[in-house]
C-alpha atoms as a PDB file:
ATOM      1  CA  ALA A   1      -0.013   0.015   0.026  1.00  0.00           C
ATOM      2  CA  LEU A   2       1.162   3.536  -0.776  1.00  0.00           C
ATOM      3  CA  ASP A   3       0.827   4.755   2.833  1.00  0.00           C
ATOM      4  CA  ALA A   4       2.960   1.847   4.139  1.00  0.00           C
ATOM      5  CA  LEU A   5       5.566   2.569   1.519  1.00  0.00           C
ATOM      6  CA  ALA A   6       5.643   6.257   2.565  1.00  0.00           C
ATOM      7  CA  VAL A   7       6.183   5.339   6.236  1.00  0.00           C
ATOM      8  CA  LYS A   8       9.023   2.920   5.324  1.00  0.00           C
ATOM      9  CA  THR A   9      10.690   5.765   3.374  1.00  0.00           C
ATOM     10  CA  PHE A  10      11.107   7.814   6.561  1.00  0.00           C
ATOM     11  CA  ARG A  11      12.040   4.903   8.809  1.00  0.00           C
ATOM     12  CA  GLY A  12      15.718   5.902   8.751  1.00  0.00           C
ATOM     13  CA  VAL A  13      15.038   9.565   9.560  1.00  0.00           C
ATOM     14  CA  SER A  14      15.815  10.359  13.233  1.00  0.00           C
ATOM     15  CA  GLY A  15      12.833  11.652  15.179  1.00  0.00           C
ATOM     16  CA  PHE A  16      10.504  11.778  12.152  1.00  0.00           C
ATOM     17  CA  MET A  17       7.278  13.464  13.128  1.00  0.00           C
ATOM     18  CA  PRO A  18       4.533  13.384  10.492  1.00  0.00           C
ATOM     19  CA  LYS A  19       2.518  16.596  10.203  1.00  0.00           C
ATOM     20  CA  ASP A  20       0.123  16.153   7.295  1.00  0.00           C
ATOM     21  CA  GLN A  21      -0.701  12.933   5.491  1.00  0.00           C
ATOM     22  CA  ALA A  22      -3.461  11.989   3.138  1.00  0.00           C
ATOM     23  CA  PHE A  23      -4.455   9.906   0.157  1.00  0.00           C
ATOM     24  CA  THR A  24      -4.907  12.033  -2.905  1.00  0.00           C
ATOM     25  CA  THR A  25      -4.643  11.756  -6.749  1.00  0.00           C
ATOM     26  CA  PHE A  26      -1.754  12.521  -8.992  1.00  0.00           C
ATOM     27  CA  HIS A  27      -2.335  12.501 -12.763  1.00  0.00           C
ATOM     28  CA  ASN A  28      -5.652  10.723 -12.160  1.00  0.00           C
ATOM     29  CA  ARG A  29      -3.997   7.972 -10.162  1.00  0.00           C
ATOM     30  CA  GLU A  30      -4.110   7.104  -6.438  1.00  0.00           C
ATOM     31  CA  ALA A  31      -1.328   8.790  -4.554  1.00  0.00           C
ATOM     32  CA  TYR A  32      -0.290   9.381  -0.970  1.00  0.00           C
ATOM     33  CA  GLN A  33       1.283  12.577   0.399  1.00  0.00           C
ATOM     34  CA  ILE A  34       3.051  12.892   3.698  1.00  0.00           C
ATOM     35  CA  GLU A  35       4.882  15.856   5.204  1.00  0.00           C
ATOM     36  CA  GLY A  36       6.814  16.047   8.448  1.00  0.00           C
ATOM     37  CA  THR A  37      10.054  16.958  10.137  1.00  0.00           C
ATOM     38  CA  GLY A  38      13.077  14.985  11.301  1.00  0.00           C
ATOM     39  CA  THR A  39      16.845  15.075  11.697  1.00  0.00           C
ATOM     40  CA  MET A  40      19.312  14.073   8.982  1.00  0.00           C
ATOM     41  CA  ASP A  41      23.065  14.356   9.552  1.00  0.00           C
ATOM     42  CA  GLY A  42      22.365  16.484  12.595  1.00  0.00           C
ATOM     43  CA  VAL A  43      20.220  19.004  10.703  1.00  0.00           C
ATOM     44  CA  THR A  44      16.522  19.445  11.346  1.00  0.00           C
ATOM     45  CA  VAL A  45      14.747  19.159   8.022  1.00  0.00           C
ATOM     46  CA  LYS A  46      11.257  19.262   6.482  1.00  0.00           C
ATOM     47  CA  LEU A  47      10.345  16.269   4.350  1.00  0.00           C
ATOM     48  CA  GLN A  48       7.695  16.179   1.742  1.00  0.00           C
ATOM     49  CA  LEU A  49       6.822  12.954  -0.138  1.00  0.00           C
ATOM     50  CA  LEU A  50       4.275  12.140  -2.742  1.00  0.00           C
ATOM     51  CA  ASN A  51       4.202   8.547  -3.998  1.00  0.00           C
ATOM     52  CA  THR A  52       2.090   6.955  -6.687  1.00  0.00           C
ATOM     53  CA  ARG A  53       2.104   3.999  -9.009  1.00  0.00           C
ATOM     54  CA  ARG A  54       1.608   3.569 -12.740  1.00  0.00           C
ATOM     55  CA  ASN A  55       1.618   0.293 -14.688  1.00  0.00           C
ATOM     56  CA  ASN A  56       3.020  -1.642 -11.642  1.00  0.00           C
ATOM     57  CA  CYS A  57       5.845   0.871 -11.156  1.00  0.00           C
ATOM     58  CA  TYR A  58       6.121   2.993  -7.981  1.00  0.00           C
ATOM     59  CA  PHE A  59       7.189   6.612  -8.123  1.00  0.00           C
ATOM     60  CA  ASP A  60       8.392   8.530  -5.098  1.00  0.00           C
ATOM     61  CA  PHE A  61       8.859  12.266  -5.288  1.00  0.00           C
ATOM     62  CA  LEU A  62      10.700  13.628  -2.287  1.00  0.00           C
ATOM     63  CA  ALA A  63      11.839  17.076  -1.093  1.00  0.00           C
ATOM     64  CA  ILE A  64      14.208  17.536   1.795  1.00  0.00           C
ATOM     65  CA  THR A  65      14.774  21.118   2.889  1.00  0.00           C
ATOM     66  CA  PRO A  66      16.263  22.786   6.050  1.00  0.00           C
ATOM     67  CA  LEU A  67      13.494  23.584   8.532  1.00  0.00           C
ATOM     68  CA  SER A  68      14.819  27.153   8.570  1.00  0.00           C
ATOM     69  CA  GLY A  69      14.186  27.484   4.834  1.00  0.00           C
ATOM     70  CA  THR A  70      11.658  29.727   3.168  1.00  0.00           C
ATOM     71  CA  GLY A  71       8.409  28.892   1.392  1.00  0.00           C
ATOM     72  CA  ALA A  72      10.322  29.064  -1.892  1.00  0.00           C
ATOM     73  CA  GLN A  73      11.426  25.448  -1.439  1.00  0.00           C
ATOM     74  CA  GLU A  74       7.805  24.312  -1.032  1.00  0.00           C
ATOM     75  CA  ASP A  75       6.830  26.270  -4.126  1.00  0.00           C
ATOM     76  CA  ALA A  76       9.709  24.685  -6.024  1.00  0.00           C
ATOM     77  CA  PHE A  77       8.595  21.212  -5.048  1.00  0.00           C
ATOM     78  CA  LYS A  78       4.965  21.977  -5.994  1.00  0.00           C
ATOM     79  CA  ASN A  79       6.179  23.336  -9.381  1.00  0.00           C
ATOM     80  CA  PHE A  80       8.279  20.269  -9.905  1.00  0.00           C
ATOM     81  CA  LEU A  81       5.301  17.989  -9.266  1.00  0.00           C
ATOM     82  CA  GLU A  82       3.235  20.020 -11.704  1.00  0.00           C
ATOM     83  CA  SER A  83       5.923  19.559 -14.323  1.00  0.00           C
ATOM     84  CA  VAL A  84       5.911  15.717 -14.099  1.00  0.00           C
ATOM     85  CA  LYS A  85       4.467  14.096 -17.201  1.00  0.00           C
ATOM     86  CA  PHE A  86       3.710  10.382 -17.681  1.00  0.00           C
ATOM     87  CA  LEU A  87       3.862   9.461 -21.340  1.00  0.00           C
END
């Protein structure tokens, strides 16, 4: 399941604390989004993940940004997701 896969992705992140998580759609396919914070290499970071599947292939889109970052990183991740095309 997509939600179980998302949780496994963050298993190695120290102190991962999920903030928002929900099933959604991405290019008319079931998807799962999760956002939270944790520590990587001693740095507190924000993690955003969207995973989906297409034709028995799984796709994970992940953004890792310093917690002290600006909203520009979130906008960049959103723009990136909007640019993804499945052919």
